[in-house]
């Protein structure tokens, strides 16, 4: 129990001094919403029907892929890992705590968008809020699992940022939040289905439960957790 409390305390200190977390989980997503929300609803009035979902997909994807990996690199590629071992803290706890912290921040940011979008741009609230937030919860978990793989696999901060951006850009551009996915060439449409953002947007935009859109997210989550387990074993050696 003492090891767990020490890990919680250490992660809290890291979060407080993390400018990356503040920028990627709050400032950039909310600024993007403030600017692009007005543009989307002005150029395409029908965009208000899915504005909450599209802005949330952008914010969650950015906060996860750009925000989480540097925190993991800071833990597992520095002296913090030695501190964990010296105090008897299991190494997996760093991964768990950073994910919990990022999850809470991304959920808060999503709630802010959920409340602000109807007020600022007359966006339509999802018809089934319970299904929407359940889908959101799964999407955040999947996005963070992919980000965790990046943070554990890439040991250098500069390379981590580069890999994160390489994955982030196609995730957003091919997800359907910028323009209808039907306008893309078939090849790009198929590539877009590799990324969680595409499925996250679909499942949150659905007003009824659709197993065929939820199942890919569940599969990605399970595979990512398995990969993270393998990478953690390598880190512990």
C-alpha atoms as a PDB file:
ATOM      1  CA  UNK A   1       0.000   0.000   0.000  1.00  0.00           C
ATOM      2  CA  UNK A   2       2.865   2.366   0.837  1.00  0.00           C
ATOM      3  CA  UNK A   3       4.424   1.697  -2.578  1.00  0.00           C
ATOM      4  CA  UNK A   4       1.149   2.553  -4.274  1.00  0.00           C
ATOM      5  CA  UNK A   5       0.773   5.795  -2.283  1.00  0.00           C
ATOM      6  CA  UNK A   6       4.359   6.735  -3.105  1.00  0.00           C
ATOM      7  CA  UNK A   7       3.652   6.163  -6.790  1.00  0.00           C
ATOM      8  CA  UNK A   8       0.500   8.281  -6.599  1.00  0.00           C
ATOM      9  CA  UNK A   9       2.443  11.077  -4.888  1.00  0.00           C
ATOM     10  CA  UNK A  10       5.241  10.964  -7.464  1.00  0.00           C
ATOM     11  CA  UNK A  11       2.810  11.000 -10.394  1.00  0.00           C
ATOM     12  CA  UNK A  12       0.940  13.938  -8.883  1.00  0.00           C
ATOM     13  CA  UNK A  13       4.182  15.935  -8.676  1.00  0.00           C
ATOM     14  CA  UNK A  14       4.989  15.073 -12.302  1.00  0.00           C
ATOM     15  CA  UNK A  15       1.505  16.155 -13.458  1.00  0.00           C
ATOM     16  CA  UNK A  16       1.730  19.492 -11.662  1.00  0.00           C
ATOM     17  CA  UNK A  17       4.899  20.465 -13.513  1.00  0.00           C
ATOM     18  CA  UNK A  18       3.828  19.017 -16.855  1.00  0.00           C
ATOM     19  CA  UNK A  19       3.192  21.822 -19.332  1.00  0.00           C
ATOM     20  CA  UNK A  20       2.660  19.216 -22.046  1.00  0.00           C
ATOM     21  CA  UNK A  21      -0.376  17.851 -20.216  1.00  0.00           C
ATOM     22  CA  UNK A  22      -1.934  21.293 -19.859  1.00  0.00           C
ATOM     23  CA  UNK A  23      -1.304  22.212 -23.490  1.00  0.00           C
ATOM     24  CA  UNK A  24      -2.358  18.947 -25.125  1.00  0.00           C
ATOM     25  CA  UNK A  25      -5.321  18.070 -22.906  1.00  0.00           C
ATOM     26  CA  UNK A  26      -6.864  21.504 -22.521  1.00  0.00           C
ATOM     27  CA  UNK A  27      -5.392  24.523 -24.291  1.00  0.00           C
ATOM     28  CA  UNK A  28      -4.964  23.222 -27.862  1.00  0.00           C
ATOM     29  CA  UNK A  29      -8.210  21.162 -28.032  1.00  0.00           C
ATOM     30  CA  UNK A  30     -10.294  24.028 -26.628  1.00  0.00           C
ATOM     31  CA  UNK A  31      -8.627  26.601 -28.904  1.00  0.00           C
ATOM     32  CA  UNK A  32      -9.216  24.294 -31.878  1.00  0.00           C
ATOM     33  CA  UNK A  33     -12.855  24.024 -30.837  1.00  0.00           C
ATOM     34  CA  UNK A  34     -13.222  27.797 -30.468  1.00  0.00           C
ATOM     35  CA  UNK A  35     -11.779  28.490 -33.927  1.00  0.00           C
ATOM     36  CA  UNK A  36     -12.816  25.478 -36.010  1.00  0.00           C
ATOM     37  CA  UNK A  37     -16.231  25.138 -34.404  1.00  0.00           C
ATOM     38  CA  UNK A  38     -17.232  28.505 -35.843  1.00  0.00           C
ATOM     39  CA  UNK A  39     -15.712  27.707 -39.229  1.00  0.00           C
ATOM     40  CA  UNK A  40     -17.342  24.288 -39.480  1.00  0.00           C
ATOM     41  CA  UNK A  41     -20.821  25.553 -38.597  1.00  0.00           C
ATOM     42  CA  UNK A  42     -20.506  28.552 -40.916  1.00  0.00           C
ATOM     43  CA  UNK A  43     -19.254  26.670 -43.979  1.00  0.00           C
ATOM     44  CA  UNK A  44     -21.293  23.520 -43.324  1.00  0.00           C
ATOM     45  CA  UNK A  45     -24.364  24.271 -41.155  1.00  0.00           C
ATOM     46  CA  UNK A  46     -25.089  20.554 -40.888  1.00  0.00           C
ATOM     47  CA  UNK A  47     -21.786  20.148 -39.012  1.00  0.00           C
ATOM     48  CA  UNK A  48     -23.551  21.221 -35.820  1.00  0.00           C
ATOM     49  CA  UNK A  49     -25.201  17.792 -35.656  1.00  0.00           C
ATOM     50  CA  UNK A  50     -21.845  16.089 -35.051  1.00  0.00           C
ATOM     51  CA  UNK A  51     -19.766  19.017 -33.771  1.00  0.00           C
ATOM     52  CA  UNK A  52     -19.489  17.633 -30.237  1.00  0.00           C
ATOM     53  CA  UNK A  53     -18.285  14.274 -31.523  1.00  0.00           C
ATOM     54  CA  UNK A  54     -15.777  15.687 -34.016  1.00  0.00           C
ATOM     55  CA  UNK A  55     -14.239  18.171 -31.584  1.00  0.00           C
ATOM     56  CA  UNK A  56     -14.055  15.491 -28.893  1.00  0.00           C
ATOM     57  CA  UNK A  57     -12.304  13.054 -31.233  1.00  0.00           C
ATOM     58  CA  UNK A  58      -9.723  15.723 -32.033  1.00  0.00           C
ATOM     59  CA  UNK A  59      -9.191  16.621 -28.368  1.00  0.00           C
ATOM     60  CA  UNK A  60      -8.936  13.047 -27.103  1.00  0.00           C
ATOM     61  CA  UNK A  61      -6.642  11.955 -29.942  1.00  0.00           C
ATOM     62  CA  UNK A  62      -4.351  14.929 -29.417  1.00  0.00           C
ATOM     63  CA  UNK A  63      -4.280  14.653 -25.641  1.00  0.00           C
ATOM     64  CA  UNK A  64      -3.538  10.935 -25.788  1.00  0.00           C
ATOM     65  CA  UNK A  65      -1.060  10.668 -28.668  1.00  0.00           C
ATOM     66  CA  UNK A  66       0.814  13.921 -28.073  1.00  0.00           C
ATOM     67  CA  UNK A  67       0.399  14.306 -24.327  1.00  0.00           C
ATOM     68  CA  UNK A  68       0.884  10.847 -22.793  1.00  0.00           C
ATOM     69  CA  UNK A  69       4.030   9.402 -24.472  1.00  0.00           C
ATOM     70  CA  UNK A  70       6.440  12.096 -23.157  1.00  0.00           C
ATOM     71  CA  UNK A  71       5.278  11.351 -19.591  1.00  0.00           C
ATOM     72  CA  UNK A  72       6.023   7.645 -20.058  1.00  0.00           C
ATOM     73  CA  UNK A  73       9.426   8.356 -21.582  1.00  0.00           C
ATOM     74  CA  UNK A  74      10.175  10.584 -18.581  1.00  0.00           C
ATOM     75  CA  UNK A  75       9.412   7.687 -16.241  1.00  0.00           C
ATOM     76  CA  UNK A  76      10.920   4.704 -18.042  1.00  0.00           C
ATOM     77  CA  UNK A  77      13.929   6.308 -19.735  1.00  0.00           C
ATOM     78  CA  UNK A  78      15.260   8.328 -16.823  1.00  0.00           C
ATOM     79  CA  UNK A  79      16.302   8.028 -13.179  1.00  0.00           C
ATOM     80  CA  UNK A  80      12.637   7.940 -12.159  1.00  0.00           C
ATOM     81  CA  UNK A  81      12.634   4.237 -13.029  1.00  0.00           C
ATOM     82  CA  UNK A  82      15.477   3.710 -10.548  1.00  0.00           C
ATOM     83  CA  UNK A  83      13.551   5.644  -7.906  1.00  0.00           C
ATOM     84  CA  UNK A  84      10.560   3.367  -8.470  1.00  0.00           C
ATOM     85  CA  UNK A  85      12.704   0.258  -8.005  1.00  0.00           C
ATOM     86  CA  UNK A  86      14.537   1.660  -4.986  1.00  0.00           C
ATOM     87  CA  UNK A  87      11.247   2.324  -3.202  1.00  0.00           C
ATOM     88  CA  UNK A  88       9.704  -1.009  -4.137  1.00  0.00           C
ATOM     89  CA  UNK A  89       7.175   0.472  -6.546  1.00  0.00           C
ATOM     90  CA  UNK A  90       6.182  -1.942  -9.351  1.00  0.00           C
ATOM     91  CA  UNK A  91       7.181  -0.505 -12.727  1.00  0.00           C
ATOM     92  CA  UNK A  92       3.739  -1.128 -14.195  1.00  0.00           C
ATOM     93  CA  UNK A  93       2.347   1.349 -11.671  1.00  0.00           C
ATOM     94  CA  UNK A  94       3.910   4.246 -13.587  1.00  0.00           C
ATOM     95  CA  UNK A  95       2.008   3.215 -16.697  1.00  0.00           C
ATOM     96  CA  UNK A  96      -1.226   2.735 -14.768  1.00  0.00           C
ATOM     97  CA  UNK A  97      -1.015   6.067 -12.931  1.00  0.00           C
ATOM     98  CA  UNK A  98      -0.142   8.119 -16.001  1.00  0.00           C
ATOM     99  CA  UNK A  99      -3.029   6.530 -17.882  1.00  0.00           C
ATOM    100  CA  UNK A 100      -5.470   7.201 -15.047  1.00  0.00           C
ATOM    101  CA  UNK A 101      -4.307  10.805 -14.815  1.00  0.00           C
ATOM    102  CA  UNK A 102      -4.544  11.379 -18.580  1.00  0.00           C
ATOM    103  CA  UNK A 103      -7.921   9.605 -18.666  1.00  0.00           C
ATOM    104  CA  UNK A 104      -9.370  11.954 -16.052  1.00  0.00           C
ATOM    105  CA  UNK A 105      -8.040  15.056 -17.809  1.00  0.00           C
ATOM    106  CA  UNK A 106      -9.364  13.945 -21.215  1.00  0.00           C
ATOM    107  CA  UNK A 107     -12.777  13.113 -19.759  1.00  0.00           C
ATOM    108  CA  UNK A 108     -12.965  16.546 -18.132  1.00  0.00           C
ATOM    109  CA  UNK A 109     -11.997  18.208 -21.414  1.00  0.00           C
ATOM    110  CA  UNK A 110     -14.690  16.165 -23.214  1.00  0.00           C
ATOM    111  CA  UNK A 111     -17.325  17.270 -20.715  1.00  0.00           C
ATOM    112  CA  UNK A 112     -16.313  20.898 -21.264  1.00  0.00           C
ATOM    113  CA  UNK A 113     -16.812  20.442 -25.019  1.00  0.00           C
ATOM    114  CA  UNK A 114     -20.132  18.664 -24.427  1.00  0.00           C
ATOM    115  CA  UNK A 115     -21.414  21.658 -22.446  1.00  0.00           C
ATOM    116  CA  UNK A 116     -19.795  24.467 -24.463  1.00  0.00           C
ATOM    117  CA  UNK A 117     -20.621  23.334 -28.022  1.00  0.00           C
ATOM    118  CA  UNK A 118     -24.432  23.792 -27.752  1.00  0.00           C
ATOM    119  CA  UNK A 119     -23.972  27.151 -26.041  1.00  0.00           C
ATOM    120  CA  UNK A 120     -21.335  28.524 -28.426  1.00  0.00           C
ATOM    121  CA  UNK A 121     -22.376  27.048 -31.785  1.00  0.00           C
ATOM    122  CA  UNK A 122     -25.868  25.629 -31.245  1.00  0.00           C
ATOM    123  CA  UNK A 123     -24.460  22.124 -31.630  1.00  0.00           C
ATOM    124  CA  UNK A 124     -26.892  19.276 -31.236  1.00  0.00           C
ATOM    125  CA  UNK A 125     -26.567  17.203 -28.081  1.00  0.00           C
ATOM    126  CA  UNK A 126     -26.282  13.440 -28.752  1.00  0.00           C
ATOM    127  CA  UNK A 127     -29.710  11.801 -28.712  1.00  0.00           C
ATOM    128  CA  UNK A 128     -28.527   9.048 -26.386  1.00  0.00           C
ATOM    129  CA  UNK A 129     -26.207  10.648 -23.769  1.00  0.00           C
ATOM    130  CA  UNK A 130     -25.672   7.357 -21.901  1.00  0.00           C
ATOM    131  CA  UNK A 131     -24.471   5.606 -25.063  1.00  0.00           C
ATOM    132  CA  UNK A 132     -22.395   8.647 -26.006  1.00  0.00           C
ATOM    133  CA  UNK A 133     -20.483   8.767 -22.718  1.00  0.00           C
ATOM    134  CA  UNK A 134     -20.068   4.990 -22.657  1.00  0.00           C
ATOM    135  CA  UNK A 135     -18.593   5.180 -26.170  1.00  0.00           C
ATOM    136  CA  UNK A 136     -16.428   8.120 -25.120  1.00  0.00           C
ATOM    137  CA  UNK A 137     -15.086   6.163 -22.155  1.00  0.00           C
ATOM    138  CA  UNK A 138     -14.045   3.300 -24.427  1.00  0.00           C
ATOM    139  CA  UNK A 139     -12.565   5.619 -27.050  1.00  0.00           C
ATOM    140  CA  UNK A 140     -10.402   7.415 -24.480  1.00  0.00           C
ATOM    141  CA  UNK A 141      -9.129   4.082 -23.149  1.00  0.00           C
ATOM    142  CA  UNK A 142      -8.252   2.859 -26.650  1.00  0.00           C
ATOM    143  CA  UNK A 143      -6.499   6.124 -27.562  1.00  0.00           C
ATOM    144  CA  UNK A 144      -4.431   6.017 -24.375  1.00  0.00           C
ATOM    145  CA  UNK A 145      -3.498   2.378 -24.985  1.00  0.00           C
ATOM    146  CA  UNK A 146      -2.034   3.300 -28.384  1.00  0.00           C
ATOM    147  CA  UNK A 147      -0.231   6.262 -26.838  1.00  0.00           C
ATOM    148  CA  UNK A 148       1.163   3.943 -24.157  1.00  0.00           C
ATOM    149  CA  UNK A 149       2.744   1.744 -26.822  1.00  0.00           C
ATOM    150  CA  UNK A 150       4.501   4.792 -28.270  1.00  0.00           C
ATOM    151  CA  UNK A 151       5.723   5.911 -24.849  1.00  0.00           C
ATOM    152  CA  UNK A 152       7.077   2.470 -23.934  1.00  0.00           C
ATOM    153  CA  UNK A 153       8.552   1.562 -27.316  1.00  0.00           C
ATOM    154  CA  UNK A 154      10.319   4.829 -28.162  1.00  0.00           C
ATOM    155  CA  UNK A 155      12.940   5.814 -25.597  1.00  0.00           C
ATOM    156  CA  UNK A 156      13.940   9.244 -26.923  1.00  0.00           C
ATOM    157  CA  UNK A 157      11.801  12.357 -26.306  1.00  0.00           C
ATOM    158  CA  UNK A 158      12.422  13.853 -29.758  1.00  0.00           C
ATOM    159  CA  UNK A 159      11.668  10.596 -31.545  1.00  0.00           C
ATOM    160  CA  UNK A 160       8.594  10.086 -29.382  1.00  0.00           C
ATOM    161  CA  UNK A 161       7.177  13.442 -30.468  1.00  0.00           C
ATOM    162  CA  UNK A 162       7.898  12.658 -34.100  1.00  0.00           C
ATOM    163  CA  UNK A 163       6.229   9.233 -33.963  1.00  0.00           C
ATOM    164  CA  UNK A 164       3.241  10.704 -32.114  1.00  0.00           C
ATOM    165  CA  UNK A 165       2.724  13.368 -34.763  1.00  0.00           C
ATOM    166  CA  UNK A 166       3.115  10.837 -37.580  1.00  0.00           C
ATOM    167  CA  UNK A 167       0.278   8.787 -36.072  1.00  0.00           C
ATOM    168  CA  UNK A 168      -1.802  11.783 -34.976  1.00  0.00           C
ATOM    169  CA  UNK A 169      -2.063  13.502 -38.370  1.00  0.00           C
ATOM    170  CA  UNK A 170      -3.536  10.598 -40.383  1.00  0.00           C
ATOM    171  CA  UNK A 171      -5.713   9.688 -37.399  1.00  0.00           C
ATOM    172  CA  UNK A 172      -7.414  13.087 -37.655  1.00  0.00           C
ATOM    173  CA  UNK A 173      -7.325  13.595 -41.419  1.00  0.00           C
ATOM    174  CA  UNK A 174      -8.757  10.147 -42.185  1.00  0.00           C
ATOM    175  CA  UNK A 175     -11.248   9.934 -39.315  1.00  0.00           C
ATOM    176  CA  UNK A 176     -14.090  11.797 -41.014  1.00  0.00           C
ATOM    177  CA  UNK A 177     -14.206  14.730 -38.600  1.00  0.00           C
ATOM    178  CA  UNK A 178     -12.707  17.223 -41.067  1.00  0.00           C
ATOM    179  CA  UNK A 179     -14.796  16.158 -44.064  1.00  0.00           C
ATOM    180  CA  UNK A 180     -17.077  13.204 -44.897  1.00  0.00           C
ATOM    181  CA  UNK A 181     -15.150   9.956 -45.112  1.00  0.00           C
ATOM    182  CA  UNK A 182     -17.055   9.115 -48.315  1.00  0.00           C
ATOM    183  CA  UNK A 183     -15.148  11.868 -50.137  1.00  0.00           C
ATOM    184  CA  UNK A 184     -11.838  10.081 -49.595  1.00  0.00           C
ATOM    185  CA  UNK A 185     -10.391   7.586 -52.072  1.00  0.00           C
ATOM    186  CA  UNK A 186     -11.178   4.006 -51.090  1.00  0.00           C
ATOM    187  CA  UNK A 187      -7.535   3.324 -50.242  1.00  0.00           C
ATOM    188  CA  UNK A 188      -7.443   6.233 -47.764  1.00  0.00           C
ATOM    189  CA  UNK A 189     -10.777   5.188 -46.335  1.00  0.00           C
ATOM    190  CA  UNK A 190      -9.388   1.720 -45.617  1.00  0.00           C
ATOM    191  CA  UNK A 191      -6.218   3.164 -44.052  1.00  0.00           C
ATOM    192  CA  UNK A 192      -8.356   5.392 -41.836  1.00  0.00           C
ATOM    193  CA  UNK A 193     -10.006   2.320 -40.324  1.00  0.00           C
ATOM    194  CA  UNK A 194      -6.670   1.322 -38.804  1.00  0.00           C
ATOM    195  CA  UNK A 195      -6.819   4.266 -36.381  1.00  0.00           C
ATOM    196  CA  UNK A 196      -9.099   4.426 -33.302  1.00  0.00           C
ATOM    197  CA  UNK A 197     -10.220   7.980 -34.173  1.00  0.00           C
ATOM    198  CA  UNK A 198     -12.223   6.746 -37.159  1.00  0.00           C
ATOM    199  CA  UNK A 199     -14.125   4.163 -35.106  1.00  0.00           C
ATOM    200  CA  UNK A 200     -14.422   6.490 -32.128  1.00  0.00           C
ATOM    201  CA  UNK A 201     -16.129   9.108 -34.258  1.00  0.00           C
ATOM    202  CA  UNK A 202     -18.536   6.541 -35.689  1.00  0.00           C
ATOM    203  CA  UNK A 203     -19.471   4.967 -32.378  1.00  0.00           C
ATOM    204  CA  UNK A 204     -20.028   8.341 -30.664  1.00  0.00           C
ATOM    205  CA  UNK A 205     -22.091   9.645 -33.588  1.00  0.00           C
ATOM    206  CA  UNK A 206     -24.415   6.614 -33.513  1.00  0.00           C
ATOM    207  CA  UNK A 207     -27.683   7.133 -31.665  1.00  0.00           C
ATOM    208  CA  UNK A 208     -28.146   3.377 -31.215  1.00  0.00           C
ATOM    209  CA  UNK A 209     -25.759   0.627 -30.181  1.00  0.00           C
ATOM    210  CA  UNK A 210     -23.870  -0.800 -33.172  1.00  0.00           C
ATOM    211  CA  UNK A 211     -21.663  -3.800 -32.402  1.00  0.00           C
ATOM    212  CA  UNK A 212     -19.830  -3.541 -35.732  1.00  0.00           C
ATOM    213  CA  UNK A 213     -18.485  -0.073 -34.823  1.00  0.00           C
ATOM    214  CA  UNK A 214     -17.695  -0.883 -31.183  1.00  0.00           C
ATOM    215  CA  UNK A 215     -15.988  -4.223 -31.807  1.00  0.00           C
ATOM    216  CA  UNK A 216     -12.935  -2.795 -33.644  1.00  0.00           C
ATOM    217  CA  UNK A 217     -12.238  -0.489 -30.678  1.00  0.00           C
ATOM    218  CA  UNK A 218     -12.434  -3.409 -28.259  1.00  0.00           C
ATOM    219  CA  UNK A 219     -10.080  -5.478 -30.440  1.00  0.00           C
ATOM    220  CA  UNK A 220      -7.577  -2.611 -30.692  1.00  0.00           C
ATOM    221  CA  UNK A 221      -7.723  -2.116 -26.912  1.00  0.00           C
ATOM    222  CA  UNK A 222      -7.050  -5.794 -26.153  1.00  0.00           C
ATOM    223  CA  UNK A 223      -4.164  -5.971 -28.627  1.00  0.00           C
ATOM    224  CA  UNK A 224      -2.654  -2.736 -27.309  1.00  0.00           C
ATOM    225  CA  UNK A 225      -2.823  -3.954 -23.691  1.00  0.00           C
ATOM    226  CA  UNK A 226      -1.006  -7.145 -24.712  1.00  0.00           C
ATOM    227  CA  UNK A 227       1.697  -5.154 -26.495  1.00  0.00           C
ATOM    228  CA  UNK A 228       2.098  -2.866 -23.477  1.00  0.00           C
ATOM    229  CA  UNK A 229       2.565  -5.932 -21.267  1.00  0.00           C
ATOM    230  CA  UNK A 230       5.352  -7.205 -23.526  1.00  0.00           C
ATOM    231  CA  UNK A 231       7.058  -3.802 -23.615  1.00  0.00           C
ATOM    232  CA  UNK A 232       6.872  -3.466 -19.830  1.00  0.00           C
ATOM    233  CA  UNK A 233       8.715  -6.768 -19.423  1.00  0.00           C
ATOM    234  CA  UNK A 234      11.492  -5.446 -21.655  1.00  0.00           C
ATOM    235  CA  UNK A 235      11.677  -2.198 -19.686  1.00  0.00           C
ATOM    236  CA  UNK A 236      12.006  -4.155 -16.422  1.00  0.00           C
ATOM    237  CA  UNK A 237      15.109  -6.015 -17.640  1.00  0.00           C
END
